[in-house]
Amino acid sequence: MKKLDVAELRSKIDLDNLYVDFSILRSAISVSTVAKDSGVELSVPTFEGDCRGTCPKCKKEKSFTLNLNTNRFNCFGKGCKLRGGGAIDFFAKLHEVSAKETSHLLACAYGIQPYSSEQVAKQDKPSTLAATPNSTANGAEANQKSANPRTTSRGVVTRGEFEDLKARFERLSDYVWDQMAQSDPRESVDGSICPDIADEYDPPLTNQHITQ
């Protein structure tokens, strides 16, 4: 159990030169942990995760509720504004300090970056793994691919593929025209009447023929 003494913790923090990552703080500390370290005695949680206890702000018994699953808290005491969600919000409203100062106070109290030299050393420690030939080759290949995205990007057709598709399309067009000419022997490919059957060709009736 941590001793969350604001006056004592303030002498150990550095608001101007150190940065606290809120996301790391939220994932590392829960509201129930801060509430218990602040002197709140929580009841056994229900099936939904709700706990009750004496409000640490207004001191009213059984008016403070906390949900372990959602990290939401609320005091039903009249005029009490201790409600919200998250460890940072709980500590800030309990001691009436800013969120920035709260993050530094909690990080210092629980030994979280940047107030933990061990975690910082582990993060900044360089990798000692030697580069293998395969990894070097893979890295060079990746750089080459990134430098020439036209040959690697999905959906981009290269010049050779385009010429091949063009030749296939031209052959298909010629085949379609040949089939159309064979299905109607009275017309040539260019649409004119074939001379060998011109005498047998009967033009369709028009409105002029009907009137006559």
N, C-alpha and C. Protein backbone atom coordinates (compact mmCIF):
# COMPACT_ATOMS: atom_id res chain seq x y z
N MET A 1 0.85 -1.20 0.00
CA MET A 1 0.00 0.00 0.00
C MET A 1 0.88 1.25 0.00
N LYS A 2 0.61 2.15 -0.94
CA LYS A 2 1.39 3.36 -1.09
C LYS A 2 0.86 4.46 -0.17
N LYS A 3 1.77 5.34 0.20
CA LYS A 3 1.39 6.50 1.00
C LYS A 3 1.24 7.69 0.06
N LEU A 4 0.01 8.07 -0.22
CA LEU A 4 -0.26 9.14 -1.16
C LEU A 4 -0.37 10.47 -0.42
N ASP A 5 0.76 10.97 0.02
CA ASP A 5 0.84 12.26 0.69
C ASP A 5 1.23 13.30 -0.36
N VAL A 6 0.29 14.19 -0.67
CA VAL A 6 0.51 15.17 -1.73
C VAL A 6 1.68 16.08 -1.40
N ALA A 7 1.77 16.55 -0.16
CA ALA A 7 2.84 17.47 0.22
C ALA A 7 4.20 16.81 0.09
N GLU A 8 4.30 15.56 0.48
CA GLU A 8 5.57 14.85 0.37
C GLU A 8 5.94 14.54 -1.06
N LEU A 9 4.95 14.18 -1.87
CA LEU A 9 5.22 13.85 -3.27
C LEU A 9 5.59 15.09 -4.08
N ARG A 10 5.05 16.23 -3.73
CA ARG A 10 5.33 17.46 -4.48
C ARG A 10 6.82 17.83 -4.42
N SER A 11 7.48 17.46 -3.36
CA SER A 11 8.90 17.78 -3.25
C SER A 11 9.78 16.90 -4.12
N LYS A 12 9.19 15.84 -4.72
CA LYS A 12 9.96 14.89 -5.51
C LYS A 12 9.69 14.98 -7.01
N ILE A 13 8.70 15.76 -7.40
CA ILE A 13 8.34 15.79 -8.81
C ILE A 13 8.98 16.99 -9.51
N ASP A 14 8.99 16.94 -10.83
CA ASP A 14 9.54 18.01 -11.66
C ASP A 14 8.57 18.26 -12.81
N LEU A 15 7.71 19.26 -12.65
CA LEU A 15 6.68 19.52 -13.65
C LEU A 15 7.23 20.16 -14.92
N ASP A 16 8.34 20.84 -14.82
CA ASP A 16 8.85 21.61 -15.96
C ASP A 16 9.75 20.80 -16.88
N ASN A 17 10.52 19.88 -16.34
CA ASN A 17 11.54 19.19 -17.14
C ASN A 17 11.22 17.73 -17.43
N LEU A 18 10.18 17.18 -16.82
CA LEU A 18 9.83 15.78 -17.04
C LEU A 18 8.45 15.68 -17.67
N TYR A 19 8.28 14.62 -18.48
CA TYR A 19 7.01 14.38 -19.18
C TYR A 19 6.44 13.04 -18.76
N VAL A 20 5.15 13.03 -18.42
CA VAL A 20 4.46 11.81 -18.02
C VAL A 20 3.47 11.42 -19.11
N ASP A 21 3.55 10.18 -19.56
CA ASP A 21 2.64 9.66 -20.58
C ASP A 21 1.35 9.21 -19.89
N PHE A 22 0.24 9.87 -20.22
CA PHE A 22 -1.03 9.55 -19.58
C PHE A 22 -1.48 8.12 -19.89
N SER A 23 -1.22 7.67 -21.11
CA SER A 23 -1.67 6.32 -21.49
C SER A 23 -0.97 5.25 -20.66
N ILE A 24 0.32 5.43 -20.38
CA ILE A 24 1.04 4.47 -19.54
C ILE A 24 0.49 4.50 -18.13
N LEU A 25 0.18 5.69 -17.66
CA LEU A 25 -0.34 5.84 -16.29
C LEU A 25 -1.71 5.18 -16.15
N ARG A 26 -2.57 5.38 -17.15
CA ARG A 26 -3.92 4.79 -17.08
C ARG A 26 -3.89 3.27 -17.12
N SER A 27 -2.99 2.72 -17.92
CA SER A 27 -2.92 1.26 -18.02
C SER A 27 -2.24 0.63 -16.81
N ALA A 28 -1.43 1.40 -16.10
CA ALA A 28 -0.68 0.84 -14.97
C ALA A 28 -1.41 0.96 -13.64
N ILE A 29 -2.27 1.97 -13.50
CA ILE A 29 -2.92 2.23 -12.21
C ILE A 29 -4.43 2.24 -12.41
N SER A 30 -5.15 1.56 -11.53
CA SER A 30 -6.60 1.55 -11.55
C SER A 30 -7.16 2.46 -10.46
N VAL A 31 -8.43 2.79 -10.60
CA VAL A 31 -9.07 3.65 -9.60
C VAL A 31 -9.13 2.96 -8.25
N SER A 32 -9.38 1.66 -8.25
CA SER A 32 -9.49 0.94 -6.98
C SER A 32 -8.16 0.97 -6.23
N THR A 33 -7.05 0.89 -6.96
CA THR A 33 -5.74 0.94 -6.29
C THR A 33 -5.52 2.29 -5.63
N VAL A 34 -5.80 3.37 -6.35
CA VAL A 34 -5.62 4.71 -5.79
C VAL A 34 -6.61 4.96 -4.66
N ALA A 35 -7.85 4.45 -4.80
CA ALA A 35 -8.85 4.64 -3.75
C ALA A 35 -8.44 3.93 -2.46
N LYS A 36 -7.96 2.71 -2.58
CA LYS A 36 -7.52 1.97 -1.39
C LYS A 36 -6.31 2.63 -0.74
N ASP A 37 -5.36 3.11 -1.57
CA ASP A 37 -4.19 3.79 -1.03
C ASP A 37 -4.54 5.16 -0.46
N SER A 38 -5.74 5.67 -0.81
CA SER A 38 -6.20 6.93 -0.25
C SER A 38 -7.02 6.73 1.01
N GLY A 39 -7.12 5.47 1.46
CA GLY A 39 -7.82 5.18 2.71
C GLY A 39 -9.25 4.73 2.55
N VAL A 40 -9.71 4.46 1.35
CA VAL A 40 -11.09 4.03 1.13
C VAL A 40 -11.16 2.51 1.30
N GLU A 41 -12.06 2.07 2.17
CA GLU A 41 -12.30 0.64 2.37
C GLU A 41 -13.49 0.22 1.51
N LEU A 42 -13.21 -0.53 0.47
CA LEU A 42 -14.25 -0.92 -0.48
C LEU A 42 -14.88 -2.24 -0.07
N SER A 43 -16.16 -2.37 -0.38
CA SER A 43 -16.87 -3.61 -0.10
C SER A 43 -16.54 -4.66 -1.14
N VAL A 44 -17.04 -5.87 -0.92
CA VAL A 44 -16.84 -6.94 -1.89
C VAL A 44 -17.60 -6.58 -3.17
N PRO A 45 -16.96 -6.67 -4.31
CA PRO A 45 -17.63 -6.28 -5.55
C PRO A 45 -18.79 -7.19 -5.89
N THR A 46 -19.82 -6.60 -6.52
CA THR A 46 -20.96 -7.38 -6.98
C THR A 46 -20.59 -8.08 -8.29
N PHE A 47 -21.59 -8.78 -8.86
CA PHE A 47 -21.36 -9.48 -10.12
C PHE A 47 -21.02 -8.50 -11.24
N GLU A 48 -21.58 -7.29 -11.16
CA GLU A 48 -21.29 -6.26 -12.18
C GLU A 48 -20.00 -5.52 -11.89
N GLY A 49 -19.36 -5.78 -10.73
CA GLY A 49 -18.10 -5.11 -10.40
C GLY A 49 -18.24 -3.86 -9.57
N ASP A 50 -19.43 -3.60 -9.01
CA ASP A 50 -19.65 -2.40 -8.20
C ASP A 50 -19.21 -2.61 -6.76
N CYS A 51 -18.50 -1.62 -6.24
CA CYS A 51 -18.07 -1.63 -4.84
C CYS A 51 -18.58 -0.36 -4.15
N ARG A 52 -18.75 -0.45 -2.84
CA ARG A 52 -19.19 0.71 -2.06
C ARG A 52 -18.21 0.98 -0.93
N GLY A 53 -18.25 2.22 -0.48
CA GLY A 53 -17.38 2.60 0.62
C GLY A 53 -17.66 4.01 1.07
N THR A 54 -16.96 4.44 2.10
CA THR A 54 -17.10 5.80 2.61
C THR A 54 -16.38 6.75 1.67
N CYS A 55 -17.04 7.84 1.31
CA CYS A 55 -16.45 8.80 0.39
C CYS A 55 -15.24 9.47 1.03
N PRO A 56 -14.10 9.46 0.38
CA PRO A 56 -12.91 10.09 0.98
C PRO A 56 -12.96 11.61 0.96
N LYS A 57 -13.93 12.19 0.26
CA LYS A 57 -14.02 13.65 0.17
C LYS A 57 -15.06 14.23 1.14
N CYS A 58 -16.30 13.71 1.06
CA CYS A 58 -17.34 14.23 1.94
C CYS A 58 -17.52 13.40 3.22
N LYS A 59 -16.84 12.26 3.28
CA LYS A 59 -16.82 11.38 4.46
C LYS A 59 -18.19 10.76 4.77
N LYS A 60 -19.07 10.72 3.80
CA LYS A 60 -20.38 10.10 4.04
C LYS A 60 -20.26 8.60 3.80
N GLU A 61 -20.79 7.81 4.73
CA GLU A 61 -20.66 6.36 4.65
C GLU A 61 -21.52 5.77 3.54
N LYS A 62 -20.94 4.80 2.86
CA LYS A 62 -21.61 4.03 1.80
C LYS A 62 -22.20 4.89 0.69
N SER A 63 -21.69 6.07 0.53
CA SER A 63 -22.18 6.92 -0.56
C SER A 63 -21.27 6.88 -1.78
N PHE A 64 -20.09 6.32 -1.59
CA PHE A 64 -19.12 6.26 -2.69
C PHE A 64 -19.21 4.91 -3.38
N THR A 65 -19.38 4.92 -4.68
CA THR A 65 -19.43 3.69 -5.48
C THR A 65 -18.32 3.71 -6.51
N LEU A 66 -17.83 2.53 -6.82
CA LEU A 66 -16.74 2.38 -7.79
C LEU A 66 -16.95 1.08 -8.55
N ASN A 67 -16.82 1.13 -9.86
CA ASN A 67 -16.96 -0.06 -10.69
C ASN A 67 -15.58 -0.53 -11.15
N LEU A 68 -15.24 -1.75 -10.81
CA LEU A 68 -13.92 -2.29 -11.14
C LEU A 68 -13.76 -2.56 -12.63
N ASN A 69 -14.87 -2.78 -13.32
CA ASN A 69 -14.78 -3.10 -14.75
C ASN A 69 -14.63 -1.86 -15.63
N THR A 70 -15.27 -0.78 -15.23
CA THR A 70 -15.26 0.43 -16.06
C THR A 70 -14.35 1.52 -15.50
N ASN A 71 -13.86 1.35 -14.25
CA ASN A 71 -13.04 2.38 -13.59
C ASN A 71 -13.81 3.68 -13.38
N ARG A 72 -15.13 3.61 -13.35
CA ARG A 72 -15.96 4.78 -13.07
C ARG A 72 -16.25 4.86 -11.58
N PHE A 73 -16.36 6.07 -11.05
CA PHE A 73 -16.63 6.26 -9.63
C PHE A 73 -17.65 7.39 -9.47
N ASN A 74 -18.36 7.39 -8.34
CA ASN A 74 -19.39 8.39 -8.10
C ASN A 74 -19.74 8.42 -6.61
N CYS A 75 -19.94 9.62 -6.11
CA CYS A 75 -20.41 9.80 -4.74
C CYS A 75 -21.81 10.39 -4.79
N PHE A 76 -22.73 9.72 -4.11
CA PHE A 76 -24.12 10.16 -4.10
C PHE A 76 -24.41 11.14 -2.98
N GLY A 77 -23.38 11.56 -2.26
CA GLY A 77 -23.58 12.54 -1.18
C GLY A 77 -23.99 13.89 -1.73
N LYS A 78 -24.85 14.58 -1.00
CA LYS A 78 -25.37 15.86 -1.45
C LYS A 78 -24.25 16.89 -1.53
N GLY A 79 -24.09 17.49 -2.70
CA GLY A 79 -23.09 18.51 -2.90
C GLY A 79 -21.69 18.00 -3.18
N CYS A 80 -21.47 16.70 -3.12
CA CYS A 80 -20.15 16.13 -3.38
C CYS A 80 -19.96 15.97 -4.89
N LYS A 81 -18.83 16.43 -5.38
CA LYS A 81 -18.54 16.39 -6.82
C LYS A 81 -17.49 15.34 -7.17
N LEU A 82 -17.34 14.37 -6.31
CA LEU A 82 -16.37 13.31 -6.59
C LEU A 82 -17.00 12.27 -7.50
N ARG A 83 -16.91 12.49 -8.78
CA ARG A 83 -17.45 11.57 -9.77
C ARG A 83 -16.66 11.71 -11.06
N GLY A 84 -16.54 10.61 -11.78
CA GLY A 84 -15.80 10.63 -13.04
C GLY A 84 -15.27 9.25 -13.37
N GLY A 85 -14.10 9.18 -13.98
CA GLY A 85 -13.53 7.90 -14.39
C GLY A 85 -12.02 7.98 -14.54
N GLY A 86 -11.34 6.94 -14.08
CA GLY A 86 -9.89 6.87 -14.21
C GLY A 86 -9.18 7.31 -12.95
N ALA A 87 -7.96 6.78 -12.77
CA ALA A 87 -7.18 7.08 -11.57
C ALA A 87 -6.76 8.54 -11.52
N ILE A 88 -6.41 9.11 -12.67
CA ILE A 88 -5.97 10.51 -12.70
C ILE A 88 -7.12 11.42 -12.32
N ASP A 89 -8.30 11.17 -12.85
CA ASP A 89 -9.47 11.98 -12.54
C ASP A 89 -9.85 11.87 -11.06
N PHE A 90 -9.77 10.67 -10.51
CA PHE A 90 -10.11 10.46 -9.10
C PHE A 90 -9.18 11.24 -8.18
N PHE A 91 -7.88 11.10 -8.39
CA PHE A 91 -6.91 11.76 -7.53
C PHE A 91 -6.97 13.28 -7.68
N ALA A 92 -7.18 13.76 -8.91
CA ALA A 92 -7.25 15.20 -9.14
C ALA A 92 -8.45 15.83 -8.45
N LYS A 93 -9.63 15.16 -8.52
CA LYS A 93 -10.82 15.71 -7.88
C LYS A 93 -10.79 15.52 -6.37
N LEU A 94 -10.15 14.50 -5.91
CA LEU A 94 -10.07 14.27 -4.47
C LEU A 94 -9.20 15.34 -3.79
N HIS A 95 -8.06 15.66 -4.40
CA HIS A 95 -7.13 16.62 -3.79
C HIS A 95 -7.19 18.00 -4.46
N GLU A 96 -8.09 18.15 -5.46
CA GLU A 96 -8.30 19.43 -6.13
C GLU A 96 -6.99 19.98 -6.71
N VAL A 97 -6.35 19.16 -7.53
CA VAL A 97 -5.14 19.55 -8.25
C VAL A 97 -5.37 19.32 -9.73
N SER A 98 -4.48 19.86 -10.55
CA SER A 98 -4.62 19.73 -11.99
C SER A 98 -4.28 18.31 -12.44
N ALA A 99 -4.72 17.99 -13.66
CA ALA A 99 -4.43 16.66 -14.20
C ALA A 99 -2.94 16.48 -14.45
N LYS A 100 -2.26 17.55 -14.87
CA LYS A 100 -0.82 17.45 -15.12
C LYS A 100 -0.07 17.15 -13.82
N GLU A 101 -0.38 17.90 -12.76
CA GLU A 101 0.29 17.64 -11.49
C GLU A 101 -0.07 16.27 -10.94
N THR A 102 -1.33 15.87 -11.12
CA THR A 102 -1.76 14.54 -10.66
C THR A 102 -0.97 13.44 -11.34
N SER A 103 -0.74 13.57 -12.63
CA SER A 103 0.02 12.54 -13.36
C SER A 103 1.43 12.41 -12.80
N HIS A 104 2.06 13.54 -12.47
CA HIS A 104 3.40 13.50 -11.90
C HIS A 104 3.39 12.92 -10.49
N LEU A 105 2.39 13.28 -9.70
CA LEU A 105 2.31 12.77 -8.33
C LEU A 105 2.10 11.25 -8.31
N LEU A 106 1.21 10.76 -9.17
CA LEU A 106 0.97 9.31 -9.22
C LEU A 106 2.16 8.56 -9.81
N ALA A 107 2.77 9.11 -10.84
CA ALA A 107 3.94 8.46 -11.43
C ALA A 107 5.08 8.37 -10.42
N CYS A 108 5.24 9.41 -9.61
CA CYS A 108 6.28 9.40 -8.58
C CYS A 108 5.94 8.43 -7.46
N ALA A 109 4.66 8.36 -7.09
CA ALA A 109 4.25 7.49 -5.98
C ALA A 109 4.36 6.02 -6.35
N TYR A 110 4.04 5.67 -7.60
CA TYR A 110 4.02 4.27 -8.01
C TYR A 110 5.23 3.87 -8.85
N GLY A 111 6.19 4.75 -8.99
CA GLY A 111 7.42 4.40 -9.70
C GLY A 111 7.22 4.15 -11.18
N ILE A 112 6.48 5.03 -11.85
CA ILE A 112 6.20 4.89 -13.28
C ILE A 112 6.97 5.98 -14.02
N GLN A 113 7.32 5.70 -15.26
CA GLN A 113 8.07 6.67 -16.06
C GLN A 113 7.44 8.06 -15.97
N PRO A 114 8.29 9.08 -15.90
CA PRO A 114 9.76 9.08 -15.93
C PRO A 114 10.41 9.02 -14.56
N TYR A 115 9.63 8.63 -13.55
CA TYR A 115 10.16 8.59 -12.19
C TYR A 115 10.64 7.21 -11.80
N SER A 116 10.91 6.38 -12.77
CA SER A 116 11.47 5.05 -12.53
C SER A 116 12.68 4.87 -13.42
N SER A 117 13.85 4.87 -12.83
CA SER A 117 15.10 4.77 -13.61
C SER A 117 15.26 3.40 -14.23
N GLU A 118 14.72 2.37 -13.62
CA GLU A 118 14.86 1.01 -14.16
C GLU A 118 14.11 0.88 -15.48
N GLN A 119 12.87 1.36 -15.53
CA GLN A 119 12.08 1.26 -16.76
C GLN A 119 12.69 2.10 -17.87
N VAL A 120 13.21 3.26 -17.53
CA VAL A 120 13.84 4.10 -18.55
C VAL A 120 15.09 3.44 -19.09
N ALA A 121 15.89 2.80 -18.20
CA ALA A 121 17.11 2.13 -18.64
C ALA A 121 16.80 0.97 -19.56
N LYS A 122 15.75 0.22 -19.26
CA LYS A 122 15.38 -0.90 -20.11
C LYS A 122 14.91 -0.43 -21.47
N GLN A 123 14.23 0.68 -21.49
CA GLN A 123 13.71 1.17 -22.77
C GLN A 123 14.82 1.73 -23.65
N ASP A 124 15.81 2.41 -23.02
CA ASP A 124 16.87 3.05 -23.79
C ASP A 124 18.04 2.11 -24.08
N LYS A 125 18.02 0.88 -23.54
CA LYS A 125 19.11 -0.06 -23.75
C LYS A 125 19.17 -0.49 -25.21
N PRO A 126 20.31 -0.31 -25.90
CA PRO A 126 20.38 -0.68 -27.32
C PRO A 126 20.35 -2.18 -27.51
N SER A 127 19.90 -2.58 -28.64
CA SER A 127 19.84 -4.01 -28.95
C SER A 127 21.23 -4.54 -29.24
N THR A 128 21.53 -5.74 -28.71
CA THR A 128 22.85 -6.35 -28.88
C THR A 128 22.86 -7.42 -29.94
N LEU A 129 21.73 -7.62 -30.61
CA LEU A 129 21.66 -8.66 -31.63
C LEU A 129 22.43 -8.22 -32.86
N ALA A 130 23.31 -9.09 -33.36
CA ALA A 130 24.08 -8.77 -34.55
C ALA A 130 23.23 -8.98 -35.78
N ALA A 131 23.49 -8.18 -36.78
CA ALA A 131 22.73 -8.28 -38.02
C ALA A 131 23.19 -9.49 -38.81
N THR A 132 22.26 -10.35 -39.15
CA THR A 132 22.57 -11.55 -39.91
C THR A 132 22.55 -11.23 -41.40
N PRO A 133 23.18 -12.07 -42.25
CA PRO A 133 23.14 -11.81 -43.70
C PRO A 133 21.74 -11.77 -44.25
N ASN A 134 20.86 -12.65 -43.71
CA ASN A 134 19.49 -12.67 -44.21
C ASN A 134 18.77 -11.38 -43.87
N SER A 135 18.98 -10.90 -42.64
CA SER A 135 18.30 -9.67 -42.25
C SER A 135 18.81 -8.49 -43.06
N THR A 136 20.14 -8.49 -43.35
CA THR A 136 20.69 -7.41 -44.16
C THR A 136 20.13 -7.44 -45.58
N ALA A 137 20.03 -8.65 -46.14
CA ALA A 137 19.48 -8.78 -47.49
C ALA A 137 18.02 -8.39 -47.53
N ASN A 138 17.28 -8.80 -46.49
CA ASN A 138 15.86 -8.44 -46.45
C ASN A 138 15.69 -6.94 -46.32
N GLY A 139 16.58 -6.31 -45.54
CA GLY A 139 16.48 -4.86 -45.40
C GLY A 139 16.78 -4.15 -46.70
N ALA A 140 17.80 -4.64 -47.42
CA ALA A 140 18.12 -4.02 -48.72
C ALA A 140 16.99 -4.21 -49.71
N GLU A 141 16.38 -5.41 -49.69
CA GLU A 141 15.27 -5.66 -50.61
C GLU A 141 14.08 -4.78 -50.28
N ALA A 142 13.82 -4.58 -48.98
CA ALA A 142 12.71 -3.72 -48.59
C ALA A 142 12.94 -2.29 -49.01
N ASN A 143 14.21 -1.83 -48.88
CA ASN A 143 14.51 -0.46 -49.32
C ASN A 143 14.35 -0.30 -50.82
N GLN A 144 14.75 -1.36 -51.56
CA GLN A 144 14.62 -1.30 -53.02
C GLN A 144 13.16 -1.27 -53.44
N LYS A 145 12.33 -2.04 -52.74
CA LYS A 145 10.91 -2.06 -53.06
C LYS A 145 10.26 -0.72 -52.76
N SER A 146 10.66 -0.13 -51.63
CA SER A 146 10.08 1.16 -51.29
C SER A 146 10.53 2.24 -52.25
N ALA A 147 11.75 2.09 -52.82
CA ALA A 147 12.24 3.09 -53.77
C ALA A 147 11.57 2.97 -55.12
N ASN A 148 11.07 1.79 -55.48
CA ASN A 148 10.41 1.59 -56.77
C ASN A 148 9.03 1.00 -56.56
N PRO A 149 8.07 1.82 -56.12
CA PRO A 149 6.75 1.27 -55.79
C PRO A 149 5.94 0.84 -56.99
N ARG A 150 6.31 1.27 -58.24
CA ARG A 150 5.50 0.90 -59.41
C ARG A 150 5.55 -0.59 -59.69
N THR A 151 6.65 -1.25 -59.35
CA THR A 151 6.78 -2.67 -59.64
C THR A 151 6.31 -3.54 -58.49
N THR A 152 6.00 -2.92 -57.34
CA THR A 152 5.62 -3.72 -56.18
C THR A 152 4.24 -3.39 -55.67
N SER A 153 3.74 -2.19 -55.96
CA SER A 153 2.44 -1.80 -55.44
C SER A 153 1.36 -2.64 -56.09
N ARG A 154 0.39 -3.01 -55.29
CA ARG A 154 -0.69 -3.83 -55.79
C ARG A 154 -1.60 -3.00 -56.67
N GLY A 155 -1.98 -3.53 -57.83
CA GLY A 155 -2.87 -2.83 -58.72
C GLY A 155 -2.17 -1.99 -59.76
N VAL A 156 -0.85 -1.87 -59.76
CA VAL A 156 -0.08 -1.10 -60.74
C VAL A 156 0.44 -2.05 -61.81
N VAL A 157 0.15 -1.75 -63.09
CA VAL A 157 0.55 -2.60 -64.21
C VAL A 157 1.88 -2.10 -64.75
N THR A 158 2.81 -3.01 -64.94
CA THR A 158 4.10 -2.63 -65.50
C THR A 158 3.98 -2.42 -67.01
N ARG A 159 5.05 -1.91 -67.62
CA ARG A 159 5.06 -1.65 -69.06
C ARG A 159 4.92 -2.94 -69.86
N GLY A 160 5.64 -3.99 -69.45
CA GLY A 160 5.55 -5.26 -70.16
C GLY A 160 4.16 -5.87 -70.08
N GLU A 161 3.54 -5.80 -68.89
CA GLU A 161 2.19 -6.33 -68.74
C GLU A 161 1.20 -5.54 -69.60
N PHE A 162 1.40 -4.23 -69.68
CA PHE A 162 0.50 -3.41 -70.50
C PHE A 162 0.59 -3.79 -71.98
N GLU A 163 1.81 -3.99 -72.49
CA GLU A 163 1.97 -4.37 -73.90
C GLU A 163 1.35 -5.72 -74.17
N ASP A 164 1.47 -6.64 -73.22
CA ASP A 164 0.88 -7.96 -73.39
C ASP A 164 -0.64 -7.87 -73.43
N LEU A 165 -1.23 -7.07 -72.53
CA LEU A 165 -2.68 -6.90 -72.52
C LEU A 165 -3.16 -6.22 -73.80
N LYS A 166 -2.38 -5.28 -74.31
CA LYS A 166 -2.75 -4.59 -75.55
C LYS A 166 -2.78 -5.55 -76.73
N ALA A 167 -1.76 -6.44 -76.82
CA ALA A 167 -1.72 -7.41 -77.92
C ALA A 167 -2.88 -8.39 -77.82
N ARG A 168 -3.21 -8.82 -76.61
CA ARG A 168 -4.34 -9.74 -76.45
C ARG A 168 -5.65 -9.07 -76.86
N PHE A 169 -5.81 -7.81 -76.51
CA PHE A 169 -7.03 -7.10 -76.87
C PHE A 169 -7.17 -6.97 -78.38
N GLU A 170 -6.07 -6.68 -79.07
CA GLU A 170 -6.12 -6.55 -80.53
C GLU A 170 -6.48 -7.88 -81.18
N ARG A 171 -5.91 -8.98 -80.68
CA ARG A 171 -6.26 -10.29 -81.24
C ARG A 171 -7.73 -10.61 -80.99
N LEU A 172 -8.22 -10.27 -79.81
CA LEU A 172 -9.63 -10.52 -79.51
C LEU A 172 -10.54 -9.68 -80.40
N SER A 173 -10.16 -8.46 -80.68
CA SER A 173 -10.97 -7.60 -81.54
C SER A 173 -11.05 -8.16 -82.97
N ASP A 174 -9.91 -8.63 -83.48
CA ASP A 174 -9.91 -9.22 -84.82
C ASP A 174 -10.79 -10.46 -84.89
N TYR A 175 -10.74 -11.26 -83.84
CA TYR A 175 -11.55 -12.48 -83.82
C TYR A 175 -13.03 -12.15 -83.79
N VAL A 176 -13.40 -11.14 -83.01
CA VAL A 176 -14.82 -10.76 -82.92
C VAL A 176 -15.33 -10.25 -84.26
N TRP A 177 -14.53 -9.45 -84.96
CA TRP A 177 -14.94 -8.94 -86.27
C TRP A 177 -15.08 -10.07 -87.28
N ASP A 178 -14.18 -11.04 -87.25
CA ASP A 178 -14.28 -12.18 -88.16
C ASP A 178 -15.56 -12.96 -87.92
N GLN A 179 -15.90 -13.17 -86.66
CA GLN A 179 -17.12 -13.91 -86.34
C GLN A 179 -18.36 -13.14 -86.78
N MET A 180 -18.35 -11.84 -86.65
CA MET A 180 -19.48 -11.05 -87.09
C MET A 180 -19.64 -11.10 -88.60
N ALA A 181 -18.53 -11.10 -89.34
CA ALA A 181 -18.59 -11.16 -90.80
C ALA A 181 -19.11 -12.51 -91.27
N GLN A 182 -18.72 -13.58 -90.58
CA GLN A 182 -19.17 -14.92 -90.97
C GLN A 182 -20.64 -15.14 -90.65
N SER A 183 -21.16 -14.51 -89.62
CA SER A 183 -22.56 -14.70 -89.25
C SER A 183 -23.50 -13.95 -90.19
N ASP A 184 -23.02 -12.91 -90.88
CA ASP A 184 -23.85 -12.16 -91.82
C ASP A 184 -23.06 -12.00 -93.13
N PRO A 185 -23.14 -12.98 -94.09
CA PRO A 185 -22.31 -12.96 -95.30
C PRO A 185 -22.69 -11.86 -96.27
N ARG A 186 -23.84 -11.21 -96.09
CA ARG A 186 -24.25 -10.19 -97.04
C ARG A 186 -23.45 -8.91 -96.88
N GLU A 187 -22.83 -8.73 -95.71
CA GLU A 187 -22.07 -7.52 -95.47
C GLU A 187 -20.63 -7.87 -95.21
N SER A 188 -19.76 -7.03 -95.71
CA SER A 188 -18.34 -7.20 -95.43
C SER A 188 -18.02 -6.56 -94.10
N VAL A 189 -16.77 -6.62 -93.76
CA VAL A 189 -16.36 -6.09 -92.47
C VAL A 189 -16.59 -4.60 -92.41
N ASP A 190 -16.38 -3.90 -93.55
CA ASP A 190 -16.54 -2.44 -93.53
C ASP A 190 -17.98 -2.00 -93.68
N GLY A 191 -18.95 -2.96 -93.75
CA GLY A 191 -20.36 -2.61 -93.80
C GLY A 191 -20.95 -2.55 -95.19
N SER A 192 -20.15 -2.69 -96.27
CA SER A 192 -20.66 -2.63 -97.64
C SER A 192 -21.20 -3.99 -98.07
N ILE A 193 -22.03 -3.98 -99.10
CA ILE A 193 -22.63 -5.22 -99.59
C ILE A 193 -21.61 -6.01 -100.39
N CYS A 194 -21.52 -7.29 -100.13
CA CYS A 194 -20.58 -8.14 -100.87
C CYS A 194 -21.00 -8.18 -102.35
N PRO A 195 -20.08 -8.05 -103.29
CA PRO A 195 -20.45 -7.97 -104.72
C PRO A 195 -21.03 -9.27 -105.26
N ASP A 196 -20.64 -10.45 -104.75
CA ASP A 196 -21.13 -11.69 -105.33
C ASP A 196 -22.58 -11.95 -105.02
N ILE A 197 -23.14 -11.29 -104.01
CA ILE A 197 -24.54 -11.53 -103.67
C ILE A 197 -25.34 -10.24 -103.74
N ALA A 198 -24.74 -9.22 -104.41
CA ALA A 198 -25.43 -7.92 -104.48
C ALA A 198 -26.74 -8.03 -105.24
N ASP A 199 -26.76 -8.90 -106.31
CA ASP A 199 -27.97 -9.02 -107.09
C ASP A 199 -29.09 -9.67 -106.31
N GLU A 200 -28.76 -10.55 -105.36
CA GLU A 200 -29.78 -11.25 -104.60
C GLU A 200 -30.22 -10.49 -103.35
N TYR A 201 -29.62 -9.36 -103.14
CA TYR A 201 -29.89 -8.65 -101.89
C TYR A 201 -31.16 -7.83 -102.04
N ASP A 202 -32.11 -8.01 -101.20
CA ASP A 202 -33.36 -7.26 -101.18
C ASP A 202 -33.33 -6.26 -100.05
N PRO A 203 -33.32 -4.99 -100.38
CA PRO A 203 -33.31 -3.99 -99.30
C PRO A 203 -34.61 -4.03 -98.53
N PRO A 204 -34.60 -3.65 -97.28
CA PRO A 204 -35.84 -3.66 -96.47
C PRO A 204 -36.81 -2.60 -96.95
N LEU A 205 -38.10 -2.84 -96.71
CA LEU A 205 -39.14 -1.89 -97.09
C LEU A 205 -39.04 -0.64 -96.23
N THR A 206 -39.27 0.48 -96.89
CA THR A 206 -39.27 1.74 -96.16
C THR A 206 -40.66 2.35 -96.26
N ASN A 207 -40.84 3.47 -95.64
CA ASN A 207 -42.14 4.18 -95.71
C ASN A 207 -42.49 4.60 -97.12
N GLN A 208 -41.46 4.89 -97.93
CA GLN A 208 -41.70 5.29 -99.31
C GLN A 208 -42.28 4.13 -100.12
N HIS A 209 -41.78 2.90 -99.90
CA HIS A 209 -42.30 1.74 -100.60
C HIS A 209 -43.77 1.47 -100.21
N ILE A 210 -44.05 1.66 -98.98
CA ILE A 210 -45.41 1.36 -98.49
C ILE A 210 -46.42 2.31 -99.09
N THR A 211 -46.05 3.58 -99.18
CA THR A 211 -46.99 4.58 -99.75
C THR A 211 -47.24 4.33 -101.22
N GLN A 212 -46.23 3.80 -101.92
CA GLN A 212 -46.43 3.52 -103.33
C GLN A 212 -47.33 2.28 -103.53
